[in-house]
Amino acid sequence: MKTIHLQITGKVQGVFYRAAAREVARQLALSGWIKNSGDGMVEAIISGEDEQLEIFLGWSKKGPEKARVKEVKVKELPLQNFNSFEILR
């Protein structure tokens, strides 16, 4: 188990990125949150097993159909426990 922080840049707001990410995270039994940042970025903190996190990270580099991901910055954090995966507003 580990926790990672993602900063996703590109055309990632207004393209259902957060909703699609929540579905993928829930399918992979990941927990944490995702939100739009004020600077046009999407930010997420996600906890789970290494293999599922790698699958999510691969998805996050593409995103949903209308997204155009430019970059995904990843930083490992101390392990955090969440009850579910939610979209923060």
PDB file of N, CA and C in Angstrom:
ATOM      1  N   MET A   1       0.844  -1.187   0.000  1.00  0.00           N
ATOM      2  CA  MET A   1       0.000   0.000   0.000  1.00  0.00           C
ATOM      3  C   MET A   1       0.885   1.245   0.000  1.00  0.00           C
ATOM      4  N   LYS A   2       0.460   2.225  -0.792  1.00  0.00           N
ATOM      5  CA  LYS A   2       1.131   3.520  -0.763  1.00  0.00           C
ATOM      6  C   LYS A   2       0.161   4.609  -1.191  1.00  0.00           C
ATOM      7  N   THR A   3       0.587   5.843  -1.018  1.00  0.00           N
ATOM      8  CA  THR A   3      -0.212   7.014  -1.384  1.00  0.00           C
ATOM      9  C   THR A   3       0.606   7.870  -2.337  1.00  0.00           C
ATOM     10  N   ILE A   4      -0.038   8.330  -3.413  1.00  0.00           N
ATOM     11  CA  ILE A   4       0.630   9.210  -4.365  1.00  0.00           C
ATOM     12  C   ILE A   4      -0.189  10.480  -4.582  1.00  0.00           C
ATOM     13  N   HIS A   5       0.529  11.546  -4.928  1.00  0.00           N
ATOM     14  CA  HIS A   5      -0.081  12.831  -5.260  1.00  0.00           C
ATOM     15  C   HIS A   5       0.147  13.053  -6.747  1.00  0.00           C
ATOM     16  N   LEU A   6      -0.925  13.350  -7.487  1.00  0.00           N
ATOM     17  CA  LEU A   6      -0.829  13.599  -8.919  1.00  0.00           C
ATOM     18  C   LEU A   6      -1.198  15.039  -9.224  1.00  0.00           C
ATOM     19  N   GLN A   7      -0.448  15.651 -10.138  1.00  0.00           N
ATOM     20  CA  GLN A   7      -0.778  16.956 -10.706  1.00  0.00           C
ATOM     21  C   GLN A   7      -0.856  16.743 -12.212  1.00  0.00           C
ATOM     22  N   ILE A   8      -2.048  16.905 -12.767  1.00  0.00           N
ATOM     23  CA  ILE A   8      -2.312  16.587 -14.164  1.00  0.00           C
ATOM     24  C   ILE A   8      -2.586  17.884 -14.915  1.00  0.00           C
ATOM     25  N   THR A   9      -1.795  18.147 -15.952  1.00  0.00           N
ATOM     26  CA  THR A   9      -1.950  19.375 -16.718  1.00  0.00           C
ATOM     27  C   THR A   9      -2.347  19.061 -18.158  1.00  0.00           C
ATOM     28  N   GLY A  10      -2.867  20.070 -18.826  1.00  0.00           N
ATOM     29  CA  GLY A  10      -3.342  19.948 -20.200  1.00  0.00           C
ATOM     30  C   GLY A  10      -4.803  20.366 -20.241  1.00  0.00           C
ATOM     31  N   LYS A  11      -5.522  19.840 -21.216  1.00  0.00           N
ATOM     32  CA  LYS A  11      -6.970  20.095 -21.285  1.00  0.00           C
ATOM     33  C   LYS A  11      -7.650  19.020 -20.442  1.00  0.00           C
ATOM     34  N   VAL A  12      -7.753  19.314 -19.141  1.00  0.00           N
ATOM     35  CA  VAL A  12      -8.267  18.313 -18.197  1.00  0.00           C
ATOM     36  C   VAL A  12      -9.448  18.811 -17.376  1.00  0.00           C
ATOM     37  N   GLN A  13      -9.861  20.061 -17.584  1.00  0.00           N
ATOM     38  CA  GLN A  13     -11.064  20.563 -16.923  1.00  0.00           C
ATOM     39  C   GLN A  13     -12.148  20.750 -17.966  1.00  0.00           C
ATOM     40  N   GLY A  14     -13.390  20.429 -17.589  1.00  0.00           N
ATOM     41  CA  GLY A  14     -14.515  20.554 -18.513  1.00  0.00           C
ATOM     42  C   GLY A  14     -14.629  19.412 -19.499  1.00  0.00           C
ATOM     43  N   VAL A  15     -13.917  18.309 -19.228  1.00  0.00           N
ATOM     44  CA  VAL A  15     -13.948  17.152 -20.138  1.00  0.00           C
ATOM     45  C   VAL A  15     -14.303  15.858 -19.388  1.00  0.00           C
ATOM     46  N   PHE A  16     -14.914  15.998 -18.206  1.00  0.00           N
ATOM     47  CA  PHE A  16     -15.338  14.867 -17.361  1.00  0.00           C
ATOM     48  C   PHE A  16     -14.162  14.046 -16.845  1.00  0.00           C
ATOM     49  N   TYR A  17     -13.000  14.686 -16.716  1.00  0.00           N
ATOM     50  CA  TYR A  17     -11.804  13.984 -16.232  1.00  0.00           C
ATOM     51  C   TYR A  17     -12.018  13.447 -14.820  1.00  0.00           C
ATOM     52  N   ARG A  18     -12.528  14.302 -13.924  1.00  0.00           N
ATOM     53  CA  ARG A  18     -12.694  13.874 -12.525  1.00  0.00           C
ATOM     54  C   ARG A  18     -13.701  12.744 -12.390  1.00  0.00           C
ATOM     55  N   ALA A  19     -14.812  12.842 -13.086  1.00  0.00           N
ATOM     56  CA  ALA A  19     -15.842  11.795 -12.994  1.00  0.00           C
ATOM     57  C   ALA A  19     -15.311  10.473 -13.543  1.00  0.00           C
ATOM     58  N   ALA A  20     -14.602  10.538 -14.663  1.00  0.00           N
ATOM     59  CA  ALA A  20     -14.036   9.311 -15.243  1.00  0.00           C
ATOM     60  C   ALA A  20     -12.974   8.727 -14.320  1.00  0.00           C
ATOM     61  N   ALA A  21     -12.155   9.597 -13.725  1.00  0.00           N
ATOM     62  CA  ALA A  21     -11.113   9.135 -12.809  1.00  0.00           C
ATOM     63  C   ALA A  21     -11.723   8.450 -11.591  1.00  0.00           C
ATOM     64  N   ARG A  22     -12.824   9.001 -11.084  1.00  0.00           N
ATOM     65  CA  ARG A  22     -13.486   8.384  -9.931  1.00  0.00           C
ATOM     66  C   ARG A  22     -13.957   6.977 -10.282  1.00  0.00           C
ATOM     67  N   GLU A  23     -14.529   6.804 -11.451  1.00  0.00           N
ATOM     68  CA  GLU A  23     -14.991   5.472 -11.861  1.00  0.00           C
ATOM     69  C   GLU A  23     -13.833   4.486 -11.975  1.00  0.00           C
ATOM     70  N   VAL A  24     -12.738   4.925 -12.597  1.00  0.00           N
ATOM     71  CA  VAL A  24     -11.563   4.061 -12.739  1.00  0.00           C
ATOM     72  C   VAL A  24     -11.007   3.713 -11.362  1.00  0.00           C
ATOM     73  N   ALA A  25     -10.886   4.704 -10.489  1.00  0.00           N
ATOM     74  CA  ALA A  25     -10.357   4.472  -9.145  1.00  0.00           C
ATOM     75  C   ALA A  25     -11.233   3.483  -8.372  1.00  0.00           C
ATOM     76  N   ARG A  26     -12.532   3.650  -8.479  1.00  0.00           N
ATOM     77  CA  ARG A  26     -13.435   2.738  -7.765  1.00  0.00           C
ATOM     78  C   ARG A  26     -13.347   1.321  -8.319  1.00  0.00           C
ATOM     79  N   GLN A  27     -13.215   1.177  -9.624  1.00  0.00           N
ATOM     80  CA  GLN A  27     -13.055  -0.152 -10.229  1.00  0.00           C
ATOM     81  C   GLN A  27     -11.767  -0.830  -9.747  1.00  0.00           C
ATOM     82  N   LEU A  28     -10.745  -0.016  -9.474  1.00  0.00           N
ATOM     83  CA  LEU A  28      -9.450  -0.547  -9.035  1.00  0.00           C
ATOM     84  C   LEU A  28      -9.338  -0.639  -7.512  1.00  0.00           C
ATOM     85  N   ALA A  29     -10.415  -0.331  -6.793  1.00  0.00           N
ATOM     86  CA  ALA A  29     -10.439  -0.356  -5.322  1.00  0.00           C
ATOM     87  C   ALA A  29      -9.421   0.611  -4.727  1.00  0.00           C
ATOM     88  N   LEU A  30      -9.242   1.765  -5.354  1.00  0.00           N
ATOM     89  CA  LEU A  30      -8.378   2.816  -4.835  1.00  0.00           C
ATOM     90  C   LEU A  30      -9.210   3.788  -4.016  1.00  0.00           C
ATOM     91  N   SER A  31      -8.573   4.506  -3.122  1.00  0.00           N
ATOM     92  CA  SER A  31      -9.276   5.511  -2.328  1.00  0.00           C
ATOM     93  C   SER A  31      -8.520   6.826  -2.401  1.00  0.00           C
ATOM     94  N   GLY A  32      -9.215   7.904  -2.052  1.00  0.00           N
ATOM     95  CA  GLY A  32      -8.596   9.217  -2.064  1.00  0.00           C
ATOM     96  C   GLY A  32      -9.549  10.258  -2.600  1.00  0.00           C
ATOM     97  N   TRP A  33      -8.994  11.256  -3.308  1.00  0.00           N
ATOM     98  CA  TRP A  33      -9.827  12.325  -3.849  1.00  0.00           C
ATOM     99  C   TRP A  33      -9.199  12.912  -5.100  1.00  0.00           C
ATOM    100  N   ILE A  34     -10.029  13.648  -5.853  1.00  0.00           N
ATOM    101  CA  ILE A  34      -9.586  14.362  -7.049  1.00  0.00           C
ATOM    102  C   ILE A  34     -10.336  15.681  -7.104  1.00  0.00           C
ATOM    103  N   LYS A  35      -9.661  16.737  -7.582  1.00  0.00           N
ATOM    104  CA  LYS A  35     -10.310  18.041  -7.659  1.00  0.00           C
ATOM    105  C   LYS A  35      -9.674  18.879  -8.762  1.00  0.00           C
ATOM    106  N   ASN A  36     -10.424  19.877  -9.222  1.00  0.00           N
ATOM    107  CA  ASN A  36      -9.877  20.887 -10.120  1.00  0.00           C
ATOM    108  C   ASN A  36      -9.073  21.869  -9.277  1.00  0.00           C
ATOM    109  N   SER A  37      -7.931  22.288  -9.817  1.00  0.00           N
ATOM    110  CA  SER A  37      -7.153  23.341  -9.180  1.00  0.00           C
ATOM    111  C   SER A  37      -7.448  24.649  -9.893  1.00  0.00           C
ATOM    112  N   GLY A  38      -7.224  25.758  -9.217  1.00  0.00           N
ATOM    113  CA  GLY A  38      -7.519  27.057  -9.787  1.00  0.00           C
ATOM    114  C   GLY A  38      -6.710  27.406 -11.016  1.00  0.00           C
ATOM    115  N   ASP A  39      -5.614  26.711 -11.238  1.00  0.00           N
ATOM    116  CA  ASP A  39      -4.728  27.032 -12.355  1.00  0.00           C
ATOM    117  C   ASP A  39      -4.971  26.165 -13.590  1.00  0.00           C
ATOM    118  N   GLY A  40      -6.128  25.520 -13.672  1.00  0.00           N
ATOM    119  CA  GLY A  40      -6.461  24.707 -14.837  1.00  0.00           C
ATOM    120  C   GLY A  40      -5.979  23.270 -14.744  1.00  0.00           C
ATOM    121  N   MET A  41      -5.349  22.932 -13.642  1.00  0.00           N
ATOM    122  CA  MET A  41      -4.825  21.602 -13.409  1.00  0.00           C
ATOM    123  C   MET A  41      -5.864  20.755 -12.683  1.00  0.00           C
ATOM    124  N   VAL A  42      -5.680  19.455 -12.716  1.00  0.00           N
ATOM    125  CA  VAL A  42      -6.436  18.536 -11.867  1.00  0.00           C
ATOM    126  C   VAL A  42      -5.437  17.930 -10.895  1.00  0.00           C
ATOM    127  N   GLU A  43      -5.836  17.828  -9.638  1.00  0.00           N
ATOM    128  CA  GLU A  43      -4.970  17.323  -8.585  1.00  0.00           C
ATOM    129  C   GLU A  43      -5.660  16.150  -7.899  1.00  0.00           C
ATOM    130  N   ALA A  44      -4.877  15.143  -7.527  1.00  0.00           N
ATOM    131  CA  ALA A  44      -5.452  13.976  -6.859  1.00  0.00           C
ATOM    132  C   ALA A  44      -4.478  13.421  -5.832  1.00  0.00           C
ATOM    133  N   ILE A  45      -5.035  12.858  -4.771  1.00  0.00           N
ATOM    134  CA  ILE A  45      -4.270  12.060  -3.816  1.00  0.00           C
ATOM    135  C   ILE A  45      -4.956  10.705  -3.760  1.00  0.00           C
ATOM    136  N   ILE A  46      -4.162   9.657  -4.005  1.00  0.00           N
ATOM    137  CA  ILE A  46      -4.730   8.322  -4.179  1.00  0.00           C
ATOM    138  C   ILE A  46      -3.925   7.308  -3.371  1.00  0.00           C
ATOM    139  N   SER A  47      -4.638   6.431  -2.678  1.00  0.00           N
ATOM    140  CA  SER A  47      -4.010   5.354  -1.919  1.00  0.00           C
ATOM    141  C   SER A  47      -4.476   4.014  -2.452  1.00  0.00           C
ATOM    142  N   GLY A  48      -3.554   3.048  -2.439  1.00  0.00           N
ATOM    143  CA  GLY A  48      -3.915   1.706  -2.867  1.00  0.00           C
ATOM    144  C   GLY A  48      -2.697   0.825  -3.061  1.00  0.00           C
ATOM    145  N   GLU A  49      -2.946  -0.342  -3.595  1.00  0.00           N
ATOM    146  CA  GLU A  49      -1.868  -1.294  -3.884  1.00  0.00           C
ATOM    147  C   GLU A  49      -1.071  -0.809  -5.092  1.00  0.00           C
ATOM    148  N   ASP A  50       0.218  -1.123  -5.104  1.00  0.00           N
ATOM    149  CA  ASP A  50       1.119  -0.663  -6.166  1.00  0.00           C
ATOM    150  C   ASP A  50       0.598  -0.970  -7.568  1.00  0.00           C
ATOM    151  N   GLU A  51       0.151  -2.192  -7.784  1.00  0.00           N
ATOM    152  CA  GLU A  51      -0.287  -2.608  -9.123  1.00  0.00           C
ATOM    153  C   GLU A  51      -1.490  -1.781  -9.593  1.00  0.00           C
ATOM    154  N   GLN A  52      -2.460  -1.565  -8.716  1.00  0.00           N
ATOM    155  CA  GLN A  52      -3.634  -0.780  -9.082  1.00  0.00           C
ATOM    156  C   GLN A  52      -3.271   0.695  -9.303  1.00  0.00           C
ATOM    157  N   LEU A  53      -2.340   1.209  -8.500  1.00  0.00           N
ATOM    158  CA  LEU A  53      -1.892   2.591  -8.687  1.00  0.00           C
ATOM    159  C   LEU A  53      -1.208   2.755 -10.044  1.00  0.00           C
ATOM    160  N   GLU A  54      -0.426   1.772 -10.458  1.00  0.00           N
ATOM    161  CA  GLU A  54       0.244   1.833 -11.766  1.00  0.00           C
ATOM    162  C   GLU A  54      -0.781   1.832 -12.903  1.00  0.00           C
ATOM    163  N   ILE A  55      -1.832   1.025 -12.767  1.00  0.00           N
ATOM    164  CA  ILE A  55      -2.892   1.000 -13.779  1.00  0.00           C
ATOM    165  C   ILE A  55      -3.572   2.362 -13.839  1.00  0.00           C
ATOM    166  N   PHE A  56      -3.892   2.934 -12.665  1.00  0.00           N
ATOM    167  CA  PHE A  56      -4.534   4.249 -12.630  1.00  0.00           C
ATOM    168  C   PHE A  56      -3.621   5.304 -13.232  1.00  0.00           C
ATOM    169  N   LEU A  57      -2.346   5.244 -12.909  1.00  0.00           N
ATOM    170  CA  LEU A  57      -1.390   6.217 -13.440  1.00  0.00           C
ATOM    171  C   LEU A  57      -1.330   6.138 -14.965  1.00  0.00           C
ATOM    172  N   GLY A  58      -1.339   4.930 -15.505  1.00  0.00           N
ATOM    173  CA  GLY A  58      -1.372   4.774 -16.961  1.00  0.00           C
ATOM    174  C   GLY A  58      -2.616   5.404 -17.564  1.00  0.00           C
ATOM    175  N   TRP A  59      -3.769   5.175 -16.919  1.00  0.00           N
ATOM    176  CA  TRP A  59      -5.015   5.788 -17.400  1.00  0.00           C
ATOM    177  C   TRP A  59      -4.937   7.309 -17.313  1.00  0.00           C
ATOM    178  N   SER A  60      -4.384   7.829 -16.207  1.00  0.00           N
ATOM    179  CA  SER A  60      -4.376   9.280 -15.986  1.00  0.00           C
ATOM    180  C   SER A  60      -3.568  10.024 -17.044  1.00  0.00           C
ATOM    181  N   LYS A  61      -2.626   9.360 -17.678  1.00  0.00           N
ATOM    182  CA  LYS A  61      -1.810   9.993 -18.720  1.00  0.00           C
ATOM    183  C   LYS A  61      -2.585  10.170 -20.024  1.00  0.00           C
ATOM    184  N   LYS A  62      -3.720   9.458 -20.147  1.00  0.00           N
ATOM    185  CA  LYS A  62      -4.597   9.607 -21.318  1.00  0.00           C
ATOM    186  C   LYS A  62      -5.879  10.324 -20.933  1.00  0.00           C
ATOM    187  N   GLY A  63      -6.501   9.880 -19.842  1.00  0.00           N
ATOM    188  CA  GLY A  63      -7.751  10.470 -19.382  1.00  0.00           C
ATOM    189  C   GLY A  63      -8.914  10.051 -20.261  1.00  0.00           C
ATOM    190  N   PRO A  64     -10.072  10.693 -20.065  1.00  0.00           N
ATOM    191  CA  PRO A  64     -11.246  10.373 -20.878  1.00  0.00           C
ATOM    192  C   PRO A  64     -11.069  10.894 -22.310  1.00  0.00           C
ATOM    193  N   GLU A  65     -11.986  10.517 -23.169  1.00  0.00           N
ATOM    194  CA  GLU A  65     -11.875  10.782 -24.605  1.00  0.00           C
ATOM    195  C   GLU A  65     -11.559  12.233 -24.970  1.00  0.00           C
ATOM    196  N   LYS A  66     -12.220  13.203 -24.335  1.00  0.00           N
ATOM    197  CA  LYS A  66     -12.056  14.608 -24.726  1.00  0.00           C
ATOM    198  C   LYS A  66     -10.867  15.300 -24.056  1.00  0.00           C
ATOM    199  N   ALA A  67     -10.214  14.625 -23.120  1.00  0.00           N
ATOM    200  CA  ALA A  67      -9.060  15.214 -22.434  1.00  0.00           C
ATOM    201  C   ALA A  67      -7.830  15.187 -23.332  1.00  0.00           C
ATOM    202  N   ARG A  68      -6.939  16.137 -23.099  1.00  0.00           N
ATOM    203  CA  ARG A  68      -5.644  16.178 -23.771  1.00  0.00           C
ATOM    204  C   ARG A  68      -4.602  16.406 -22.675  1.00  0.00           C
ATOM    205  N   VAL A  69      -4.098  15.317 -22.113  1.00  0.00           N
ATOM    206  CA  VAL A  69      -3.170  15.392 -20.994  1.00  0.00           C
ATOM    207  C   VAL A  69      -1.780  15.772 -21.514  1.00  0.00           C
ATOM    208  N   LYS A  70      -1.233  16.806 -20.906  1.00  0.00           N
ATOM    209  CA  LYS A  70       0.109  17.270 -21.277  1.00  0.00           C
ATOM    210  C   LYS A  70       1.164  16.610 -20.395  1.00  0.00           C
ATOM    211  N   GLU A  71       0.909  16.589 -19.080  1.00  0.00           N
ATOM    212  CA  GLU A  71       1.898  16.057 -18.143  1.00  0.00           C
ATOM    213  C   GLU A  71       1.211  15.559 -16.878  1.00  0.00           C
ATOM    214  N   VAL A  72       1.778  14.514 -16.287  1.00  0.00           N
ATOM    215  CA  VAL A  72       1.324  14.017 -14.987  1.00  0.00           C
ATOM    216  C   VAL A  72       2.542  13.970 -14.065  1.00  0.00           C
ATOM    217  N   LYS A  73       2.543  14.823 -13.050  1.00  0.00           N
ATOM    218  CA  LYS A  73       3.619  14.812 -12.054  1.00  0.00           C
ATOM    219  C   LYS A  73       3.176  13.922 -10.909  1.00  0.00           C
ATOM    220  N   VAL A  74       4.063  13.043 -10.467  1.00  0.00           N
ATOM    221  CA  VAL A  74       3.748  12.083  -9.413  1.00  0.00           C
ATOM    222  C   VAL A  74       4.732  12.252  -8.266  1.00  0.00           C
ATOM    223  N   LYS A  75       4.186  12.293  -7.059  1.00  0.00           N
ATOM    224  CA  LYS A  75       5.025  12.368  -5.864  1.00  0.00           C
ATOM    225  C   LYS A  75       4.465  11.387  -4.848  1.00  0.00           C
ATOM    226  N   GLU A  76       5.333  10.578  -4.265  1.00  0.00           N
ATOM    227  CA  GLU A  76       4.881   9.647  -3.232  1.00  0.00           C
ATOM    228  C   GLU A  76       4.767  10.388  -1.906  1.00  0.00           C
ATOM    229  N   LEU A  77       3.711  10.091  -1.175  1.00  0.00           N
ATOM    230  CA  LEU A  77       3.432  10.705   0.120  1.00  0.00           C
ATOM    231  C   LEU A  77       3.429   9.626   1.199  1.00  0.00           C
ATOM    232  N   PRO A  78       3.494  10.032   2.473  1.00  0.00           N
ATOM    233  CA  PRO A  78       3.270   9.051   3.542  1.00  0.00           C
ATOM    234  C   PRO A  78       1.878   8.425   3.365  1.00  0.00           C
ATOM    235  N   LEU A  79       1.749   7.176   3.719  1.00  0.00           N
ATOM    236  CA  LEU A  79       0.490   6.459   3.538  1.00  0.00           C
ATOM    237  C   LEU A  79      -0.659   7.181   4.234  1.00  0.00           C
ATOM    238  N   GLN A  80      -1.744   7.383   3.486  1.00  0.00           N
ATOM    239  CA  GLN A  80      -2.966   7.981   4.019  1.00  0.00           C
ATOM    240  C   GLN A  80      -4.111   7.012   3.769  1.00  0.00           C
ATOM    241  N   ASN A  81      -5.028   6.959   4.695  1.00  0.00           N
ATOM    242  CA  ASN A  81      -6.192   6.081   4.562  1.00  0.00           C
ATOM    243  C   ASN A  81      -7.444   6.909   4.305  1.00  0.00           C
ATOM    244  N   PHE A  82      -8.187   6.516   3.285  1.00  0.00           N
ATOM    245  CA  PHE A  82      -9.456   7.149   2.930  1.00  0.00           C
ATOM    246  C   PHE A  82     -10.526   6.071   2.903  1.00  0.00           C
ATOM    247  N   ASN A  83     -11.776   6.458   3.122  1.00  0.00           N
ATOM    248  CA  ASN A  83     -12.875   5.487   3.094  1.00  0.00           C
ATOM    249  C   ASN A  83     -13.369   5.192   1.692  1.00  0.00           C
ATOM    250  N   SER A  84     -13.142   6.119   0.760  1.00  0.00           N
ATOM    251  CA  SER A  84     -13.662   5.959  -0.603  1.00  0.00           C
ATOM    252  C   SER A  84     -12.863   6.855  -1.532  1.00  0.00           C
ATOM    253  N   PHE A  85     -13.293   6.966  -2.777  1.00  0.00           N
ATOM    254  CA  PHE A  85     -12.671   7.895  -3.720  1.00  0.00           C
ATOM    255  C   PHE A  85     -13.720   8.925  -4.102  1.00  0.00           C
ATOM    256  N   GLU A  86     -13.435  10.191  -3.826  1.00  0.00           N
ATOM    257  CA  GLU A  86     -14.425  11.242  -4.002  1.00  0.00           C
ATOM    258  C   GLU A  86     -13.910  12.379  -4.869  1.00  0.00           C
ATOM    259  N   ILE A  87     -14.842  13.114  -5.461  1.00  0.00           N
ATOM    260  CA  ILE A  87     -14.536  14.350  -6.154  1.00  0.00           C
ATOM    261  C   ILE A  87     -14.728  15.487  -5.168  1.00  0.00           C
ATOM    262  N   LEU A  88     -13.688  16.282  -4.974  1.00  0.00           N
ATOM    263  CA  LEU A  88     -13.787  17.454  -4.112  1.00  0.00           C
ATOM    264  C   LEU A  88     -14.133  18.657  -4.971  1.00  0.00           C
ATOM    265  N   ARG A  89     -14.908  19.573  -4.431  1.00  0.00           N
ATOM    266  CA  ARG A  89     -15.297  20.765  -5.179  1.00  0.00           C
ATOM    267  C   ARG A  89     -14.630  21.997  -4.608  1.00  0.00           C
TER     268      ARG A  89
END
